[in-house]
Protein backbone atom coordinates (compact mmCIF):
# COMPACT_ATOMS: atom_id res chain seq x y z
CA LYS A 1 -3.85 38.77 -37.65
CA THR A 2 -2.92 35.36 -39.04
CA SER A 3 0.44 35.49 -37.26
CA LYS A 4 -1.16 36.32 -33.91
CA THR A 5 -3.69 33.52 -34.33
CA SER A 6 -0.95 31.03 -35.20
CA ASN A 7 1.12 32.10 -32.23
CA LYS A 8 -1.88 31.73 -29.93
CA SER A 9 -2.61 28.25 -31.31
CA ALA A 10 1.01 27.24 -30.81
CA LEU A 11 0.96 28.50 -27.23
CA ASN A 12 -2.25 26.59 -26.53
CA ALA A 13 -0.76 23.42 -28.05
CA ASN A 14 2.36 23.77 -25.91
CA TYR A 15 0.22 24.35 -22.82
CA ARG A 16 -1.77 21.19 -23.54
CA LEU A 17 1.42 19.21 -23.97
CA ASP A 18 2.81 20.62 -20.68
CA GLU A 19 -0.47 19.80 -18.96
CA GLN A 20 -0.43 16.24 -20.27
CA ASP A 21 3.17 15.83 -19.13
CA GLN A 22 2.21 17.07 -15.66
CA ILE A 23 -0.65 14.55 -15.55
CA ARG A 24 1.76 11.78 -16.54
CA ARG A 25 4.29 12.76 -13.90
CA HIS A 26 1.76 13.69 -11.23
CA PRO A 27 -1.31 11.54 -11.96
CA ILE A 28 -4.36 12.25 -9.83
CA PRO A 29 -5.19 9.27 -7.59
CA LYS A 30 -8.59 7.64 -7.89
CA PRO A 31 -10.70 8.85 -4.93
CA ILE A 32 -10.83 6.37 -2.09
CA GLU A 33 -14.55 7.08 -1.61
CA GLU A 34 -15.21 5.95 -5.18
CA ILE A 35 -13.23 2.74 -4.68
CA CYS A 36 -14.80 1.86 -1.33
CA SER A 37 -18.32 2.49 -2.62
CA ALA A 38 -17.77 -0.31 -5.14
CA TYR A 39 -15.59 -2.75 -3.14
CA PRO A 40 -15.22 -3.67 0.54
CA CYS A 41 -12.38 -1.71 2.14
CA ILE A 42 -10.61 -1.98 5.47
CA ASN A 43 -12.23 -0.21 8.41
CA TYR A 44 -10.47 3.02 9.27
CA THR A 45 -11.08 6.45 10.75
CA LYS A 46 -9.67 9.60 9.19
CA GLU A 47 -8.10 11.67 11.94
CA GLU A 48 -7.81 15.44 12.15
CA SER A 49 -4.43 16.80 11.15
CA SER A 50 -3.03 20.30 10.98
CA GLY A 51 -0.56 19.42 8.24
CA CYS A 52 -0.88 18.99 4.48
CA GLY A 53 0.69 16.48 2.12
CA PHE A 54 -0.47 13.46 4.11
CA GLU A 55 -3.52 11.89 5.72
CA LYS A 56 -3.60 10.52 9.25
CA ARG A 57 -5.78 7.46 9.87
CA THR A 58 -6.50 4.90 12.53
CA ILE A 59 -6.92 1.45 11.00
CA ALA A 60 -9.14 -0.81 13.10
CA GLY A 61 -7.73 -4.03 14.51
CA ALA A 62 -8.66 -7.04 12.36
CA TYR A 63 -7.62 -10.43 11.04
CA TRP A 64 -5.41 -10.37 7.98
CA THR A 65 -3.90 -13.12 5.86
CA THR A 66 -0.19 -12.74 5.15
CA THR A 67 2.57 -14.36 3.12
CA HIS A 68 6.24 -13.55 2.65
CA ILE A 69 7.70 -11.93 -0.45
CA ASP A 70 10.77 -13.75 -1.75
CA LEU A 71 13.05 -10.87 -2.68
CA ASN A 72 15.36 -13.17 -4.60
CA ALA A 73 12.64 -14.52 -6.90
CA PRO A 74 11.84 -13.07 -10.34
CA ILE A 75 9.89 -9.80 -10.14
CA ASN A 76 10.84 -9.81 -6.42
CA GLY A 77 8.37 -12.59 -5.69
CA TYR A 78 5.33 -10.28 -5.88
CA ARG A 79 3.43 -12.54 -8.26
CA ASP A 80 4.03 -15.73 -6.26
CA ALA A 81 3.02 -13.99 -3.05
CA TYR A 82 -0.16 -12.63 -4.59
CA TYR A 83 -1.23 -16.03 -5.93
CA ARG A 84 -0.66 -17.69 -2.56
CA LEU A 85 -3.05 -15.14 -1.04
CA HIS A 86 -5.43 -15.59 -3.97
CA ASP A 87 -5.59 -19.33 -3.25
CA TYR A 88 -6.59 -18.52 0.34
CA ARG A 89 -9.29 -16.01 -0.58
CA SER A 90 -10.74 -18.39 -3.18
CA GLY A 91 -10.96 -21.15 -0.54
CA GLN A 92 -8.39 -23.47 -2.10
CA ASN A 93 -5.89 -23.52 0.77
CA THR A 94 -8.10 -23.17 3.85
CA ASP A 95 -9.55 -25.72 6.24
CA ARG A 96 -12.95 -24.96 4.66
CA ARG A 97 -11.87 -25.96 1.17
CA GLY A 98 -14.20 -24.71 -1.52
CA GLU A 99 -15.74 -21.93 0.55
CA PRO A 100 -14.65 -18.56 -0.90
CA VAL A 101 -13.30 -16.14 1.69
CA GLY A 102 -12.82 -12.96 -0.31
CA MET A 103 -10.79 -9.98 0.80
CA LYS A 104 -10.87 -6.31 1.66
CA ILE A 105 -9.03 -3.60 -0.22
CA PRO A 106 -6.17 -2.66 -0.20
CA VAL A 107 -3.44 -5.24 -0.68
CA ILE A 108 -0.63 -4.13 1.62
CA LYS A 109 3.06 -4.84 1.29
CA LYS A 110 5.16 -4.34 4.41
CA TRP A 111 8.88 -3.64 4.28
CA TRP A 112 11.05 -3.94 7.38
CA VAL A 113 14.23 -1.96 6.86
CA ASP A 114 17.32 -1.06 8.84
CA ASP A 115 18.35 2.54 9.46
CA ASP A 116 20.04 2.66 6.04
CA LEU A 117 16.86 1.45 4.29
CA ASN A 118 18.26 -2.00 3.55
CA ILE A 119 15.31 -4.38 3.34
CA LEU A 120 15.36 -7.05 6.05
CA ASN A 121 11.96 -8.57 5.45
CA ALA A 122 8.93 -8.18 3.20
CA THR A 123 5.36 -9.49 3.32
CA MET A 124 2.06 -9.11 1.45
CA SER A 125 -1.33 -9.04 3.22
CA PHE A 126 -5.02 -8.35 2.86
CA ALA A 127 -7.75 -8.06 5.48
CA LEU A 128 -10.50 -10.66 5.76
CA PRO A 129 -14.11 -9.60 5.11
CA ASP A 130 -16.34 -8.84 8.11
CA ALA A 131 -18.15 -12.17 7.77
CA PHE A 132 -14.92 -14.04 8.61
CA GLN A 133 -13.53 -11.76 11.32
CA LYS A 134 -15.00 -13.68 14.26
CA ASP A 135 -13.99 -17.12 12.98
CA PRO A 136 -11.34 -16.83 10.26
CA PRO A 137 -10.57 -19.99 8.24
CA ALA A 138 -7.19 -21.51 9.02
CA SER A 139 -4.63 -21.69 6.23
CA THR A 140 -3.52 -25.12 5.04
CA CYS A 141 -0.48 -23.63 3.27
CA ASN A 142 2.63 -23.30 5.42
CA GLN A 143 3.57 -20.10 3.56
CA VAL A 144 0.27 -18.34 4.32
CA ARG A 145 -0.86 -17.43 7.80
CA VAL A 146 -3.84 -15.68 9.38
CA GLU A 147 -2.83 -13.10 11.95
CA LYS A 148 -4.51 -10.51 14.14
CA TRP A 149 -3.33 -6.94 13.64
CA ASP A 150 -3.90 -4.51 16.45
CA GLU A 151 -5.12 -1.00 15.73
CA LEU A 152 -2.60 1.00 13.68
CA VAL A 153 -2.08 4.75 13.48
CA THR A 154 -0.79 5.59 10.00
CA TYR A 155 0.35 8.52 7.88
CA SER A 156 -0.28 8.04 4.17
CA ARG A 157 0.27 9.78 0.87
CA ALA A 158 -1.62 8.77 -2.29
CA TYR A 159 -0.16 8.35 -5.76
CA GLY A 160 -2.14 7.91 -8.97
CA GLY A 161 0.41 6.27 -11.26
CA SER A 162 2.05 2.90 -11.67
CA ARG A 163 4.14 1.26 -8.98
CA TYR A 164 6.91 1.10 -11.59
CA ASP A 165 7.06 4.90 -11.93
CA PRO A 166 10.20 6.39 -10.33
CA GLU A 167 7.90 8.99 -8.76
CA HIS A 168 6.02 6.26 -6.88
CA LEU A 169 8.60 5.55 -4.20
CA GLN A 170 9.66 9.19 -4.11
CA GLN A 171 6.39 9.75 -2.28
CA PHE A 172 8.03 8.27 0.83
CA ASP A 173 10.51 11.16 0.84
CA LEU A 174 7.73 13.70 0.30
CA LEU A 175 5.72 12.08 3.09
CA ARG A 176 8.63 12.29 5.52
CA THR A 177 9.19 15.94 4.55
CA ALA A 178 5.51 16.75 5.18
CA LEU A 179 5.60 15.00 8.56
CA LYS A 180 8.83 16.76 9.55
CA LYS A 181 7.15 20.13 8.99
CA GLU A 182 4.58 19.09 11.60
CA LYS A 183 7.32 17.81 13.95
CA ILE A 184 6.08 14.23 13.52
CA THR A 185 8.72 11.49 13.54
CA PRO A 186 7.31 8.24 12.10
CA TYR A 187 8.55 4.75 12.92
CA ARG A 188 11.79 4.33 11.02
CA ASN A 189 11.98 0.58 10.39
CA LEU A 190 8.63 -0.29 8.84
CA MET A 191 7.23 1.06 5.57
CA MET A 192 4.06 0.04 3.76
CA THR A 193 2.79 0.28 0.22
CA ALA A 194 -0.93 -0.21 -0.43
CA GLY A 195 -2.63 -1.02 -3.73
CA PHE A 196 -6.29 -0.01 -3.97
CA THR A 197 -6.68 -0.67 -7.73
CA GLY A 198 -5.60 -3.42 -10.09
CA HIS A 199 -2.39 -2.73 -11.98
CA GLY A 200 -3.17 -0.96 -15.24
CA ALA A 201 -6.94 -0.87 -14.57
CA GLY A 202 -7.78 2.74 -15.45
CA ARG A 203 -7.11 5.40 -12.83
CA GLN A 204 -4.86 4.15 -10.08
CA ARG A 205 -4.62 4.62 -6.34
CA ARG A 206 -1.53 3.56 -4.47
CA GLU A 207 -0.61 4.75 -1.03
CA LEU A 208 2.74 5.06 0.67
CA ILE A 209 2.33 4.55 4.41
CA LEU A 210 4.42 5.20 7.51
CA LEU A 211 3.34 4.36 11.05
CA ASP A 212 3.57 6.32 14.25
CA ASN A 213 6.27 5.10 16.60
CA ASP A 214 4.05 3.20 19.03
CA SER A 215 2.13 1.37 16.29
CA GLY A 216 5.28 0.56 14.31
CA GLU A 217 7.25 -0.80 17.23
CA LYS A 218 4.39 -2.91 18.56
CA HIS A 219 3.51 -4.28 15.13
CA THR A 220 7.10 -5.24 14.40
CA LEU A 221 7.49 -7.06 17.70
CA THR A 222 4.22 -8.99 17.50
CA GLN A 223 3.99 -9.89 13.81
CA GLU A 224 7.41 -10.84 12.54
CA LYS A 225 8.85 -13.35 14.99
CA SER A 226 8.18 -16.31 12.68
CA ILE A 227 9.73 -14.94 9.46
CA PRO A 228 13.48 -15.24 8.88
CA LEU A 229 15.11 -11.90 8.21
CA LEU A 230 16.42 -11.27 4.73
CA ARG A 231 18.98 -8.68 3.78
CA ARG A 232 18.90 -6.97 0.42
CA LYS A 233 20.21 -3.49 -0.34
CA ALA A 234 17.20 -2.14 -2.17
CA TYR A 235 14.24 0.17 -1.84
CA PRO A 236 10.75 -1.38 -1.76
């Protein structure tokens, strides 16, 4: 009797360890409804889709503020880019100095890549709140610009762990596989990563996003004329 009980306890302990390891490797993303009930989020419509493993959305056209990511800077320039955008949203580098602008969630990083996934260009952006959509403040920083994004049709896959996890960027491959099963070919040369939660702030939600061909091609042509192309053999 004692032996059977011990064996059962050991099995339960091993199961709990396996379960914890699965949670670590496949963390459950924080629900977007929970996030957007507490913070202003971008306007989007969830579209019907016959496939699984991804979500199709239409993101409404809006004004966004954008800055480049210096891929040669420490930590790939993420921190510098974020603080340039922070100065805009806090009203420090706008033509209405001192008037806070705020932002909508998520923060989006865009990665323009060639057919071999070499990064040519990278930017960071967030959407302006509704109160500033009709008359957005101009940026007084030459590295930050306000731009109008047209409506975008996107395919996204959520991830609940850190952006530093190796599994994070693997979601792009899983997303492409899920789309291929539905005979959907996304735009090849533009990839997006979206952060809905602060790094390390409890449960996470990050999304890996690909665009449909029409949205991707149009967005690339209209948004990136003013940024010099970089070339770095790396994955975003």
